[in-house]
Amino acid sequence: MQINVEALQINVEAPQINIEASQMKTEAVRINTEVSQMNTEAAQMNTEAQQINTEVTRNNTEALLKIDSKLFKKGPIDSL
């Protein structure tokens, strides 16, 4: 008899547990979607940062070449 009472109680509680589990799953999907969106945004930001770094490197190289060119025109003694 005790087993039947416990089984009935489990049967009563099970639907509520299933509802809560379903809600938790829905929340997990929502969080995963947000994380995925954030990862996409981060990847876009990384791409932009790489493009900026490439441009900065190009500008620095051009500046160094101009400096080298000016020093070369002066000659080694004049540049000192």
C-alpha atoms as a PDB file:
ATOM      1  CA  MET A   1       0.000   0.000   0.000  1.00  0.00           C
ATOM      2  CA  GLN A   2       2.830   2.392   0.870  1.00  0.00           C
ATOM      3  CA  ILE A   3       4.418   1.785  -2.532  1.00  0.00           C
ATOM      4  CA  ASN A   4       1.137   2.661  -4.265  1.00  0.00           C
ATOM      5  CA  VAL A   5       0.915   5.944  -2.346  1.00  0.00           C
ATOM      6  CA  GLU A   6       4.484   6.846  -3.277  1.00  0.00           C
ATOM      7  CA  ALA A   7       3.830   5.923  -6.899  1.00  0.00           C
ATOM      8  CA  LEU A   8       0.737   8.112  -6.953  1.00  0.00           C
ATOM      9  CA  GLN A   9       2.728  10.993  -5.456  1.00  0.00           C
ATOM     10  CA  ILE A  10       5.421  10.565  -8.117  1.00  0.00           C
ATOM     11  CA  ASN A  11       2.742  10.537 -10.808  1.00  0.00           C
ATOM     12  CA  VAL A  12       1.345  13.786  -9.396  1.00  0.00           C
ATOM     13  CA  GLU A  13       4.775  15.457  -9.188  1.00  0.00           C
ATOM     14  CA  ALA A  14       6.084  14.240 -12.550  1.00  0.00           C
ATOM     15  CA  PRO A  15       4.082  16.650 -14.751  1.00  0.00           C
ATOM     16  CA  GLN A  16       5.335  19.659 -12.767  1.00  0.00           C
ATOM     17  CA  ILE A  17       8.909  18.390 -12.995  1.00  0.00           C
ATOM     18  CA  ASN A  18       8.471  17.937 -16.744  1.00  0.00           C
ATOM     19  CA  ILE A  19       7.131  21.496 -17.052  1.00  0.00           C
ATOM     20  CA  GLU A  20      10.114  22.858 -15.118  1.00  0.00           C
ATOM     21  CA  ALA A  21      12.534  20.805 -17.216  1.00  0.00           C
ATOM     22  CA  SER A  22      10.919  22.108 -20.390  1.00  0.00           C
ATOM     23  CA  GLN A  23      11.240  25.686 -19.110  1.00  0.00           C
ATOM     24  CA  MET A  24      14.894  25.108 -18.278  1.00  0.00           C
ATOM     25  CA  LYS A  25      15.489  23.690 -21.752  1.00  0.00           C
ATOM     26  CA  THR A  26      13.807  26.732 -23.309  1.00  0.00           C
ATOM     27  CA  GLU A  27      16.006  29.023 -21.209  1.00  0.00           C
ATOM     28  CA  ALA A  28      19.122  27.073 -22.198  1.00  0.00           C
ATOM     29  CA  VAL A  29      18.223  27.440 -25.888  1.00  0.00           C
ATOM     30  CA  ARG A  30      17.695  31.191 -25.378  1.00  0.00           C
ATOM     31  CA  ILE A  31      21.065  31.531 -23.642  1.00  0.00           C
ATOM     32  CA  ASN A  32      22.800  29.499 -26.366  1.00  0.00           C
ATOM     33  CA  THR A  33      21.249  31.747 -29.000  1.00  0.00           C
ATOM     34  CA  GLU A  34      22.523  34.849 -27.184  1.00  0.00           C
ATOM     35  CA  VAL A  35      26.000  33.345 -26.836  1.00  0.00           C
ATOM     36  CA  SER A  36      26.014  32.448 -30.522  1.00  0.00           C
ATOM     37  CA  GLN A  37      25.068  36.024 -31.434  1.00  0.00           C
ATOM     38  CA  MET A  38      27.790  37.366 -29.150  1.00  0.00           C
ATOM     39  CA  ASN A  39      30.338  35.024 -30.754  1.00  0.00           C
ATOM     40  CA  THR A  40      29.298  36.252 -34.197  1.00  0.00           C
ATOM     41  CA  GLU A  41      29.705  39.868 -33.086  1.00  0.00           C
ATOM     42  CA  ALA A  42      33.095  39.071 -31.553  1.00  0.00           C
ATOM     43  CA  ALA A  43      34.231  37.433 -34.793  1.00  0.00           C
ATOM     44  CA  GLN A  44      33.158  40.528 -36.735  1.00  0.00           C
ATOM     45  CA  MET A  45      35.041  42.749 -34.284  1.00  0.00           C
ATOM     46  CA  ASN A  46      38.142  40.561 -34.643  1.00  0.00           C
ATOM     47  CA  THR A  47      37.943  40.854 -38.415  1.00  0.00           C
ATOM     48  CA  GLU A  48      37.680  44.638 -38.142  1.00  0.00           C
ATOM     49  CA  ALA A  49      40.600  44.715 -35.715  1.00  0.00           C
ATOM     50  CA  GLN A  50      42.720  42.641 -38.107  1.00  0.00           C
ATOM     51  CA  GLN A  51      41.873  45.031 -40.935  1.00  0.00           C
ATOM     52  CA  ILE A  52      42.863  48.000 -38.776  1.00  0.00           C
ATOM     53  CA  ASN A  53      46.109  46.273 -37.760  1.00  0.00           C
ATOM     54  CA  THR A  54      46.902  45.578 -41.404  1.00  0.00           C
ATOM     55  CA  GLU A  55      46.340  49.224 -42.275  1.00  0.00           C
ATOM     56  CA  VAL A  56      48.449  50.420 -39.342  1.00  0.00           C
ATOM     57  CA  THR A  57      51.254  48.068 -40.388  1.00  0.00           C
ATOM     58  CA  ARG A  58      51.019  49.361 -43.961  1.00  0.00           C
ATOM     59  CA  ASN A  59      51.127  52.979 -42.756  1.00  0.00           C
ATOM     60  CA  ASN A  60      54.078  52.249 -40.476  1.00  0.00           C
ATOM     61  CA  THR A  61      55.929  50.534 -43.313  1.00  0.00           C
ATOM     62  CA  GLU A  62      55.301  53.491 -45.624  1.00  0.00           C
ATOM     63  CA  ALA A  63      56.522  55.906 -42.945  1.00  0.00           C
ATOM     64  CA  LEU A  64      59.679  53.879 -42.366  1.00  0.00           C
ATOM     65  CA  LEU A  65      60.349  53.717 -46.094  1.00  0.00           C
ATOM     66  CA  LYS A  66      60.025  57.496 -46.328  1.00  0.00           C
ATOM     67  CA  ILE A  67      62.421  57.944 -43.414  1.00  0.00           C
ATOM     68  CA  ASP A  68      64.872  55.477 -44.977  1.00  0.00           C
ATOM     69  CA  SER A  69      64.586  57.261 -48.291  1.00  0.00           C
ATOM     70  CA  LYS A  70      65.362  60.649 -46.698  1.00  0.00           C
ATOM     71  CA  LEU A  71      68.300  59.245 -44.758  1.00  0.00           C
ATOM     72  CA  PHE A  72      69.627  57.493 -47.855  1.00  0.00           C
ATOM     73  CA  LYS A  73      69.459  60.716 -49.871  1.00  0.00           C
ATOM     74  CA  LYS A  74      71.469  62.566 -47.229  1.00  0.00           C
ATOM     75  CA  GLY A  75      74.080  59.870 -47.116  1.00  0.00           C
ATOM     76  CA  PRO A  76      75.495  58.111 -44.088  1.00  0.00           C
ATOM     77  CA  ILE A  77      77.617  61.010 -42.844  1.00  0.00           C
ATOM     78  CA  ASP A  78      75.065  63.762 -43.440  1.00  0.00           C
ATOM     79  CA  SER A  79      72.377  61.817 -41.621  1.00  0.00           C
ATOM     80  CA  LEU A  80      74.414  61.786 -38.434  1.00  0.00           C
END
